[in-house]
């Protein structure tokens, strides 16, 4: 069975690219038993659908005359998220 660390990496990666069949099944199995990873997946889904172009929050900002996220800011956010995924965690998944 996948570790929570591996599961969160797959959850994040599947937003950008399709997972291999084996990875999809391993992730589904892990999510059946892990409340915390299901919760993480739900949070990632909300953020992804809300913030990316076309998402609810992005549309709301654009309707109010806001600007789209600068490319360097988006890149910085992506780097910080990746860093957070690779930092060591304790047995409860905390950094």
PDB file of N, CA and C in Angstrom:
ATOM      1  N   UNK A   1       0.845  -1.186   0.000  1.00  0.00           N
ATOM      2  CA  UNK A   1       0.000   0.000   0.000  1.00  0.00           C
ATOM      3  C   UNK A   1       0.886   1.243   0.000  1.00  0.00           C
ATOM      4  N   UNK A   2       0.400   2.303  -0.617  1.00  0.00           N
ATOM      5  CA  UNK A   2       1.139   3.562  -0.683  1.00  0.00           C
ATOM      6  C   UNK A   2       1.272   4.200   0.692  1.00  0.00           C
ATOM      7  N   UNK A   3       2.366   4.927   0.874  1.00  0.00           N
ATOM      8  CA  UNK A   3       2.477   5.779   2.060  1.00  0.00           C
ATOM      9  C   UNK A   3       1.685   7.056   1.789  1.00  0.00           C
ATOM     10  N   UNK A   4       1.395   7.802   2.835  1.00  0.00           N
ATOM     11  CA  UNK A   4       0.687   9.073   2.660  1.00  0.00           C
ATOM     12  C   UNK A   4       1.514  10.037   1.809  1.00  0.00           C
ATOM     13  N   UNK A   5       2.818  10.021   1.997  1.00  0.00           N
ATOM     14  CA  UNK A   5       3.687  10.900   1.201  1.00  0.00           C
ATOM     15  C   UNK A   5       3.564  10.578  -0.283  1.00  0.00           C
ATOM     16  N   UNK A   6       3.614   9.285  -0.624  1.00  0.00           N
ATOM     17  CA  UNK A   6       3.474   8.898  -2.026  1.00  0.00           C
ATOM     18  C   UNK A   6       2.079   9.233  -2.551  1.00  0.00           C
ATOM     19  N   UNK A   7       1.074   9.035  -1.720  1.00  0.00           N
ATOM     20  CA  UNK A   7      -0.303   9.336  -2.139  1.00  0.00           C
ATOM     21  C   UNK A   7      -0.467  10.822  -2.433  1.00  0.00           C
ATOM     22  N   UNK A   8       0.073  11.698  -1.572  1.00  0.00           N
ATOM     23  CA  UNK A   8      -0.082  13.140  -1.817  1.00  0.00           C
ATOM     24  C   UNK A   8       0.659  13.563  -3.077  1.00  0.00           C
ATOM     25  N   UNK A   9       1.769  12.939  -3.341  1.00  0.00           N
ATOM     26  CA  UNK A   9       2.484  13.251  -4.594  1.00  0.00           C
ATOM     27  C   UNK A   9       1.650  12.871  -5.803  1.00  0.00           C
ATOM     28  N   UNK A  10       1.026  11.688  -5.739  1.00  0.00           N
ATOM     29  CA  UNK A  10       0.174  11.262  -6.856  1.00  0.00           C
ATOM     30  C   UNK A  10      -1.058  12.151  -6.987  1.00  0.00           C
ATOM     31  N   UNK A  11      -1.635  12.542  -5.871  1.00  0.00           N
ATOM     32  CA  UNK A  11      -2.799  13.431  -5.896  1.00  0.00           C
ATOM     33  C   UNK A  11      -2.446  14.735  -6.605  1.00  0.00           C
ATOM     34  N   UNK A  12      -1.300  15.277  -6.279  1.00  0.00           N
ATOM     35  CA  UNK A  12      -0.870  16.523  -6.915  1.00  0.00           C
ATOM     36  C   UNK A  12      -0.508  16.308  -8.378  1.00  0.00           C
ATOM     37  N   UNK A  13       0.176  15.221  -8.658  1.00  0.00           N
ATOM     38  CA  UNK A  13       0.632  14.974 -10.026  1.00  0.00           C
ATOM     39  C   UNK A  13      -0.525  14.736 -10.984  1.00  0.00           C
ATOM     40  N   UNK A  14      -1.608  14.116 -10.477  1.00  0.00           N
ATOM     41  CA  UNK A  14      -2.714  13.806 -11.388  1.00  0.00           C
ATOM     42  C   UNK A  14      -3.443  15.049 -11.877  1.00  0.00           C
ATOM     43  N   UNK A  15      -3.183  16.201 -11.273  1.00  0.00           N
ATOM     44  CA  UNK A  15      -3.755  17.449 -11.785  1.00  0.00           C
ATOM     45  C   UNK A  15      -3.081  17.867 -13.086  1.00  0.00           C
ATOM     46  N   UNK A  16      -1.826  17.464 -13.253  1.00  0.00           N
ATOM     47  CA  UNK A  16      -1.042  17.893 -14.408  1.00  0.00           C
ATOM     48  C   UNK A  16      -0.908  16.841 -15.494  1.00  0.00           C
ATOM     49  N   UNK A  17      -1.016  15.589 -15.112  1.00  0.00           N
ATOM     50  CA  UNK A  17      -0.819  14.516 -16.093  1.00  0.00           C
ATOM     51  C   UNK A  17      -1.578  13.274 -15.651  1.00  0.00           C
ATOM     52  N   UNK A  18      -1.964  12.450 -16.605  1.00  0.00           N
ATOM     53  CA  UNK A  18      -2.655  11.213 -16.242  1.00  0.00           C
ATOM     54  C   UNK A  18      -1.699  10.260 -15.521  1.00  0.00           C
ATOM     55  N   UNK A  19      -2.231   9.550 -14.556  1.00  0.00           N
ATOM     56  CA  UNK A  19      -1.429   8.561 -13.843  1.00  0.00           C
ATOM     57  C   UNK A  19      -1.505   7.229 -14.577  1.00  0.00           C
ATOM     58  N   UNK A  20      -0.478   6.428 -14.394  1.00  0.00           N
ATOM     59  CA  UNK A  20      -0.485   5.071 -14.943  1.00  0.00           C
ATOM     60  C   UNK A  20      -1.585   4.278 -14.240  1.00  0.00           C
ATOM     61  N   UNK A  21      -2.078   3.259 -14.884  1.00  0.00           N
ATOM     62  CA  UNK A  21      -3.159   2.452 -14.323  1.00  0.00           C
ATOM     63  C   UNK A  21      -2.808   1.927 -12.924  1.00  0.00           C
ATOM     64  N   UNK A  22      -1.607   1.434 -12.769  1.00  0.00           N
ATOM     65  CA  UNK A  22      -1.164   0.904 -11.477  1.00  0.00           C
ATOM     66  C   UNK A  22      -1.178   1.995 -10.389  1.00  0.00           C
ATOM     67  N   UNK A  23      -0.738   3.198 -10.753  1.00  0.00           N
ATOM     68  CA  UNK A  23      -0.735   4.315  -9.803  1.00  0.00           C
ATOM     69  C   UNK A  23      -2.165   4.713  -9.423  1.00  0.00           C
ATOM     70  N   UNK A  24      -3.058   4.746 -10.418  1.00  0.00           N
ATOM     71  CA  UNK A  24      -4.460   5.097 -10.135  1.00  0.00           C
ATOM     72  C   UNK A  24      -5.086   4.119  -9.153  1.00  0.00           C
ATOM     73  N   UNK A  25      -4.858   2.824  -9.367  1.00  0.00           N
ATOM     74  CA  UNK A  25      -5.446   1.813  -8.485  1.00  0.00           C
ATOM     75  C   UNK A  25      -4.826   1.869  -7.088  1.00  0.00           C
ATOM     76  N   UNK A  26      -3.523   2.062  -7.026  1.00  0.00           N
ATOM     77  CA  UNK A  26      -2.864   2.159  -5.719  1.00  0.00           C
ATOM     78  C   UNK A  26      -3.387   3.375  -4.955  1.00  0.00           C
ATOM     79  N   UNK A  27      -3.579   4.487  -5.655  1.00  0.00           N
ATOM     80  CA  UNK A  27      -4.096   5.690  -5.013  1.00  0.00           C
ATOM     81  C   UNK A  27      -5.539   5.489  -4.564  1.00  0.00           C
ATOM     82  N   UNK A  28      -6.360   4.885  -5.394  1.00  0.00           N
ATOM     83  CA  UNK A  28      -7.751   4.615  -5.004  1.00  0.00           C
ATOM     84  C   UNK A  28      -7.816   3.753  -3.747  1.00  0.00           C
ATOM     85  N   UNK A  29      -6.990   2.722  -3.707  1.00  0.00           N
ATOM     86  CA  UNK A  29      -6.963   1.846  -2.541  1.00  0.00           C
ATOM     87  C   UNK A  29      -6.540   2.621  -1.288  1.00  0.00           C
ATOM     88  N   UNK A  30      -5.502   3.423  -1.427  1.00  0.00           N
ATOM     89  CA  UNK A  30      -5.034   4.222  -0.292  1.00  0.00           C
ATOM     90  C   UNK A  30      -6.135   5.170   0.192  1.00  0.00           C
ATOM     91  N   UNK A  31      -6.809   5.825  -0.740  1.00  0.00           N
ATOM     92  CA  UNK A  31      -7.847   6.793  -0.375  1.00  0.00           C
ATOM     93  C   UNK A  31      -9.052   6.132   0.296  1.00  0.00           C
ATOM     94  N   UNK A  32      -9.292   4.855   0.005  1.00  0.00           N
ATOM     95  CA  UNK A  32     -10.375   4.140   0.683  1.00  0.00           C
ATOM     96  C   UNK A  32     -10.150   4.068   2.190  1.00  0.00           C
ATOM     97  N   UNK A  33      -8.890   3.971   2.581  1.00  0.00           N
ATOM     98  CA  UNK A  33      -8.561   3.751   3.979  1.00  0.00           C
ATOM     99  C   UNK A  33      -8.002   4.969   4.708  1.00  0.00           C
ATOM    100  N   UNK A  34      -7.616   5.999   3.995  1.00  0.00           N
ATOM    101  CA  UNK A  34      -6.922   7.125   4.628  1.00  0.00           C
ATOM    102  C   UNK A  34      -7.768   8.397   4.580  1.00  0.00           C
ATOM    103  N   UNK A  35      -8.342   8.741   5.703  1.00  0.00           N
ATOM    104  CA  UNK A  35      -9.149   9.954   5.829  1.00  0.00           C
ATOM    105  C   UNK A  35      -8.336  11.198   5.488  1.00  0.00           C
ATOM    106  N   UNK A  36      -7.105  11.270   5.973  1.00  0.00           N
ATOM    107  CA  UNK A  36      -6.298  12.478   5.809  1.00  0.00           C
ATOM    108  C   UNK A  36      -5.928  12.723   4.350  1.00  0.00           C
ATOM    109  N   UNK A  37      -5.651  11.684   3.621  1.00  0.00           N
ATOM    110  CA  UNK A  37      -5.334  11.864   2.203  1.00  0.00           C
ATOM    111  C   UNK A  37      -6.588  12.190   1.397  1.00  0.00           C
ATOM    112  N   UNK A  38      -7.742  11.635   1.785  1.00  0.00           N
ATOM    113  CA  UNK A  38      -8.996  12.029   1.125  1.00  0.00           C
ATOM    114  C   UNK A  38      -9.255  13.505   1.348  1.00  0.00           C
ATOM    115  N   UNK A  39      -9.002  13.959   2.551  1.00  0.00           N
ATOM    116  CA  UNK A  39      -9.182  15.370   2.884  1.00  0.00           C
ATOM    117  C   UNK A  39      -8.220  16.240   2.061  1.00  0.00           C
ATOM    118  N   UNK A  40      -6.958  15.810   1.977  1.00  0.00           N
ATOM    119  CA  UNK A  40      -5.968  16.538   1.171  1.00  0.00           C
ATOM    120  C   UNK A  40      -6.424  16.597  -0.290  1.00  0.00           C
ATOM    121  N   UNK A  41      -6.896  15.481  -0.825  1.00  0.00           N
ATOM    122  CA  UNK A  41      -7.339  15.433  -2.225  1.00  0.00           C
ATOM    123  C   UNK A  41      -8.491  16.403  -2.455  1.00  0.00           C
ATOM    124  N   UNK A  42      -9.419  16.480  -1.506  1.00  0.00           N
ATOM    125  CA  UNK A  42     -10.545  17.403  -1.633  1.00  0.00           C
ATOM    126  C   UNK A  42     -10.058  18.850  -1.609  1.00  0.00           C
ATOM    127  N   UNK A  43      -9.110  19.153  -0.741  1.00  0.00           N
ATOM    128  CA  UNK A  43      -8.582  20.519  -0.662  1.00  0.00           C
ATOM    129  C   UNK A  43      -7.855  20.905  -1.944  1.00  0.00           C
ATOM    130  N   UNK A  44      -7.067  19.989  -2.460  1.00  0.00           N
ATOM    131  CA  UNK A  44      -6.328  20.251  -3.701  1.00  0.00           C
ATOM    132  C   UNK A  44      -7.313  20.483  -4.847  1.00  0.00           C
ATOM    133  N   UNK A  45      -8.367  19.681  -4.879  1.00  0.00           N
ATOM    134  CA  UNK A  45      -9.377  19.820  -5.944  1.00  0.00           C
ATOM    135  C   UNK A  45     -10.055  21.194  -5.871  1.00  0.00           C
ATOM    136  N   UNK A  46     -10.398  21.634  -4.671  1.00  0.00           N
ATOM    137  CA  UNK A  46     -11.028  22.943  -4.505  1.00  0.00           C
ATOM    138  C   UNK A  46     -10.086  24.053  -4.963  1.00  0.00           C
ATOM    139  N   UNK A  47      -8.834  23.979  -4.525  1.00  0.00           N
ATOM    140  CA  UNK A  47      -7.861  24.995  -4.933  1.00  0.00           C
ATOM    141  C   UNK A  47      -7.661  25.003  -6.438  1.00  0.00           C
ATOM    142  N   UNK A  48      -7.507  23.827  -6.990  1.00  0.00           N
ATOM    143  CA  UNK A  48      -7.259  23.724  -8.429  1.00  0.00           C
ATOM    144  C   UNK A  48      -8.417  24.306  -9.234  1.00  0.00           C
ATOM    145  N   UNK A  49      -9.644  23.933  -8.869  1.00  0.00           N
ATOM    146  CA  UNK A  49     -10.806  24.408  -9.629  1.00  0.00           C
ATOM    147  C   UNK A  49     -11.141  25.863  -9.333  1.00  0.00           C
ATOM    148  N   UNK A  50     -10.715  26.349  -8.185  1.00  0.00           N
ATOM    149  CA  UNK A  50     -11.042  27.724  -7.830  1.00  0.00           C
ATOM    150  C   UNK A  50     -10.049  28.746  -8.328  1.00  0.00           C
ATOM    151  N   UNK A  51      -8.774  28.387  -8.367  1.00  0.00           N
ATOM    152  CA  UNK A  51      -7.738  29.374  -8.652  1.00  0.00           C
ATOM    153  C   UNK A  51      -7.234  29.383 -10.083  1.00  0.00           C
ATOM    154  N   UNK A  52      -7.259  28.248 -10.745  1.00  0.00           N
ATOM    155  CA  UNK A  52      -6.701  28.207 -12.087  1.00  0.00           C
ATOM    156  C   UNK A  52      -7.603  28.963 -13.053  1.00  0.00           C
ATOM    157  N   UNK A  53      -7.044  29.462 -14.163  1.00  0.00           N
ATOM    158  CA  UNK A  53      -7.857  30.216 -15.135  1.00  0.00           C
ATOM    159  C   UNK A  53      -9.128  29.455 -15.479  1.00  0.00           C
ATOM    160  N   UNK A  54     -10.227  30.162 -15.397  1.00  0.00           N
ATOM    161  CA  UNK A  54     -11.528  29.553 -15.626  1.00  0.00           C
ATOM    162  C   UNK A  54     -12.190  29.098 -14.342  1.00  0.00           C
ATOM    163  N   UNK A  55     -11.426  29.011 -13.256  1.00  0.00           N
ATOM    164  CA  UNK A  55     -11.988  28.610 -11.975  1.00  0.00           C
ATOM    165  C   UNK A  55     -12.835  29.719 -11.379  1.00  0.00           C
ATOM    166  N   UNK A  56     -13.658  29.369 -10.413  1.00  0.00           N
ATOM    167  CA  UNK A  56     -14.593  30.314  -9.799  1.00  0.00           C
ATOM    168  C   UNK A  56     -13.889  31.540  -9.243  1.00  0.00           C
ATOM    169  N   UNK A  57     -12.861  31.350  -8.417  1.00  0.00           N
ATOM    170  CA  UNK A  57     -12.176  32.479  -7.811  1.00  0.00           C
ATOM    171  C   UNK A  57     -11.457  33.318  -8.864  1.00  0.00           C
ATOM    172  N   UNK A  58     -10.851  32.669  -9.828  1.00  0.00           N
ATOM    173  CA  UNK A  58     -10.157  33.385 -10.898  1.00  0.00           C
ATOM    174  C   UNK A  58     -11.137  34.255 -11.677  1.00  0.00           C
ATOM    175  N   UNK A  59     -12.308  33.702 -11.995  1.00  0.00           N
ATOM    176  CA  UNK A  59     -13.324  34.480 -12.729  1.00  0.00           C
ATOM    177  C   UNK A  59     -13.796  35.666 -11.897  1.00  0.00           C
ATOM    178  N   UNK A  60     -13.994  35.433 -10.591  1.00  0.00           N
ATOM    179  CA  UNK A  60     -14.458  36.511  -9.724  1.00  0.00           C
ATOM    180  C   UNK A  60     -13.438  37.646  -9.683  1.00  0.00           C
ATOM    181  N   UNK A  61     -12.156  37.307  -9.568  1.00  0.00           N
ATOM    182  CA  UNK A  61     -11.112  38.331  -9.561  1.00  0.00           C
ATOM    183  C   UNK A  61     -11.081  39.089 -10.876  1.00  0.00           C
ATOM    184  N   UNK A  62     -11.234  38.387 -11.979  1.00  0.00           N
ATOM    185  CA  UNK A  62     -11.197  39.036 -13.281  1.00  0.00           C
ATOM    186  C   UNK A  62     -12.427  39.936 -13.471  1.00  0.00           C
ATOM    187  N   UNK A  63     -13.577  39.489 -12.967  1.00  0.00           N
ATOM    188  CA  UNK A  63     -14.798  40.303 -13.068  1.00  0.00           C
ATOM    189  C   UNK A  63     -14.674  41.593 -12.275  1.00  0.00           C
ATOM    190  N   UNK A  64     -13.888  41.567 -11.206  1.00  0.00           N
ATOM    191  CA  UNK A  64     -13.703  42.747 -10.369  1.00  0.00           C
ATOM    192  C   UNK A  64     -12.530  43.597 -10.841  1.00  0.00           C
ATOM    193  N   UNK A  65     -12.013  43.292 -12.018  1.00  0.00           N
ATOM    194  CA  UNK A  65     -10.924  44.083 -12.571  1.00  0.00           C
ATOM    195  C   UNK A  65      -9.555  43.665 -12.069  1.00  0.00           C
ATOM    196  N   UNK A  66      -9.486  42.522 -11.415  1.00  0.00           N
ATOM    197  CA  UNK A  66      -8.211  42.031 -10.912  1.00  0.00           C
ATOM    198  C   UNK A  66      -7.329  41.529 -12.036  1.00  0.00           C
ATOM    199  N   UNK A  67      -6.094  41.364 -11.730  1.00  0.00           N
ATOM    200  CA  UNK A  67      -5.152  40.864 -12.718  1.00  0.00           C
ATOM    201  C   UNK A  67      -4.903  39.391 -12.482  1.00  0.00           C
ATOM    202  N   UNK A  68      -4.521  38.710 -13.533  1.00  0.00           N
ATOM    203  CA  UNK A  68      -4.163  37.311 -13.412  1.00  0.00           C
ATOM    204  C   UNK A  68      -2.857  37.195 -12.636  1.00  0.00           C
ATOM    205  N   UNK A  69      -2.627  36.057 -12.056  1.00  0.00           N
ATOM    206  CA  UNK A  69      -1.416  35.821 -11.290  1.00  0.00           C
ATOM    207  C   UNK A  69      -0.200  35.930 -12.208  1.00  0.00           C
ATOM    208  N   UNK A  70       0.785  36.699 -11.776  1.00  0.00           N
ATOM    209  CA  UNK A  70       2.002  36.868 -12.569  1.00  0.00           C
ATOM    210  C   UNK A  70       2.706  35.519 -12.717  1.00  0.00           C
ATOM    211  N   UNK A  71       3.321  35.259 -13.867  1.00  0.00           N
ATOM    212  CA  UNK A  71       3.985  33.974 -14.084  1.00  0.00           C
ATOM    213  C   UNK A  71       5.027  33.650 -13.012  1.00  0.00           C
ATOM    214  N   UNK A  72       5.802  34.648 -12.584  1.00  0.00           N
ATOM    215  CA  UNK A  72       6.812  34.360 -11.558  1.00  0.00           C
ATOM    216  C   UNK A  72       6.174  34.029 -10.210  1.00  0.00           C
ATOM    217  N   UNK A  73       5.019  34.630  -9.910  1.00  0.00           N
ATOM    218  CA  UNK A  73       4.312  34.306  -8.668  1.00  0.00           C
ATOM    219  C   UNK A  73       3.770  32.881  -8.729  1.00  0.00           C
ATOM    220  N   UNK A  74       3.216  32.507  -9.866  1.00  0.00           N
ATOM    221  CA  UNK A  74       2.721  31.137 -10.029  1.00  0.00           C
ATOM    222  C   UNK A  74       3.858  30.132  -9.905  1.00  0.00           C
ATOM    223  N   UNK A  75       4.990  30.450 -10.508  1.00  0.00           N
ATOM    224  CA  UNK A  75       6.159  29.563 -10.443  1.00  0.00           C
ATOM    225  C   UNK A  75       6.647  29.440  -8.996  1.00  0.00           C
ATOM    226  N   UNK A  76       6.668  30.561  -8.274  1.00  0.00           N
ATOM    227  CA  UNK A  76       7.095  30.549  -6.878  1.00  0.00           C
ATOM    228  C   UNK A  76       6.149  29.691  -6.032  1.00  0.00           C
ATOM    229  N   UNK A  77       4.847  29.834  -6.258  1.00  0.00           N
ATOM    230  CA  UNK A  77       3.877  29.029  -5.519  1.00  0.00           C
ATOM    231  C   UNK A  77       4.060  27.546  -5.804  1.00  0.00           C
ATOM    232  N   UNK A  78       4.285  27.201  -7.053  1.00  0.00           N
ATOM    233  CA  UNK A  78       4.501  25.806  -7.435  1.00  0.00           C
ATOM    234  C   UNK A  78       5.753  25.249  -6.761  1.00  0.00           C
ATOM    235  N   UNK A  79       6.824  26.031  -6.739  1.00  0.00           N
ATOM    236  CA  UNK A  79       8.062  25.589  -6.083  1.00  0.00           C
ATOM    237  C   UNK A  79       7.843  25.352  -4.597  1.00  0.00           C
ATOM    238  N   UNK A  80       7.108  26.256  -3.935  1.00  0.00           N
ATOM    239  CA  UNK A  80       6.839  26.107  -2.496  1.00  0.00           C
ATOM    240  C   UNK A  80       5.978  24.880  -2.218  1.00  0.00           C
ATOM    241  N   UNK A  81       4.993  24.621  -3.080  1.00  0.00           N
ATOM    242  CA  UNK A  81       4.169  23.426  -2.905  1.00  0.00           C
ATOM    243  C   UNK A  81       4.996  22.159  -3.063  1.00  0.00           C
ATOM    244  N   UNK A  82       5.853  22.133  -4.068  1.00  0.00           N
ATOM    245  CA  UNK A  82       6.709  20.970  -4.273  1.00  0.00           C
ATOM    246  C   UNK A  82       7.665  20.782  -3.099  1.00  0.00           C
ATOM    247  N   UNK A  83       8.193  21.883  -2.577  1.00  0.00           N
ATOM    248  CA  UNK A  83       9.086  21.828  -1.422  1.00  0.00           C
ATOM    249  C   UNK A  83       8.343  21.246  -0.219  1.00  0.00           C
ATOM    250  N   UNK A  84       7.113  21.685  -0.020  1.00  0.00           N
ATOM    251  CA  UNK A  84       6.325  21.191   1.111  1.00  0.00           C
ATOM    252  C   UNK A  84       6.058  19.696   0.976  1.00  0.00           C
ATOM    253  N   UNK A  85       5.889  19.212  -0.250  1.00  0.00           N
ATOM    254  CA  UNK A  85       5.641  17.789  -0.465  1.00  0.00           C
ATOM    255  C   UNK A  85       6.878  16.937  -0.215  1.00  0.00           C
ATOM    256  N   UNK A  86       8.051  17.530  -0.349  1.00  0.00           N
ATOM    257  CA  UNK A  86       9.280  16.747  -0.186  1.00  0.00           C
ATOM    258  C   UNK A  86       9.922  16.908   1.187  1.00  0.00           C
ATOM    259  N   UNK A  87       9.419  17.829   2.012  1.00  0.00           N
ATOM    260  CA  UNK A  87       9.979  17.996   3.351  1.00  0.00           C
ATOM    261  C   UNK A  87       9.628  16.798   4.209  1.00  0.00           C
ATOM    262  N   UNK A  88      10.528  16.417   5.122  1.00  0.00           N
ATOM    263  CA  UNK A  88      10.223  15.290   6.010  1.00  0.00           C
ATOM    264  C   UNK A  88       9.041  15.615   6.924  1.00  0.00           C
ATOM    265  N   UNK A  89       8.274  14.599   7.249  1.00  0.00           N
ATOM    266  CA  UNK A  89       7.138  14.756   8.142  1.00  0.00           C
ATOM    267  C   UNK A  89       7.253  13.776   9.296  1.00  0.00           C
ATOM    268  N   UNK A  90       6.542  14.051  10.373  1.00  0.00           N
ATOM    269  CA  UNK A  90       6.515  13.112  11.494  1.00  0.00           C
ATOM    270  C   UNK A  90       5.475  12.027  11.199  1.00  0.00           C
ATOM    271  N   UNK A  91       5.234  11.127  12.144  1.00  0.00           N
ATOM    272  CA  UNK A  91       4.326  10.022  11.918  1.00  0.00           C
ATOM    273  C   UNK A  91       2.878  10.464  11.694  1.00  0.00           C
ATOM    274  N   UNK A  92       2.561  11.703  12.038  1.00  0.00           N
ATOM    275  CA  UNK A  92       1.216  12.240  11.811  1.00  0.00           C
ATOM    276  C   UNK A  92       1.126  13.053  10.533  1.00  0.00           C
ATOM    277  N   UNK A  93       2.202  13.101   9.768  1.00  0.00           N
ATOM    278  CA  UNK A  93       2.196  13.819   8.497  1.00  0.00           C
ATOM    279  C   UNK A  93       2.447  15.308   8.613  1.00  0.00           C
ATOM    280  N   UNK A  94       2.912  15.759   9.792  1.00  0.00           N
ATOM    281  CA  UNK A  94       3.190  17.186   9.976  1.00  0.00           C
ATOM    282  C   UNK A  94       4.650  17.500   9.658  1.00  0.00           C
ATOM    283  N   UNK A  95       4.885  18.675   9.118  1.00  0.00           N
ATOM    284  CA  UNK A  95       6.243  19.118   8.789  1.00  0.00           C
ATOM    285  C   UNK A  95       6.934  19.648  10.009  1.00  0.00           C
TER     286      UNK A  95
END
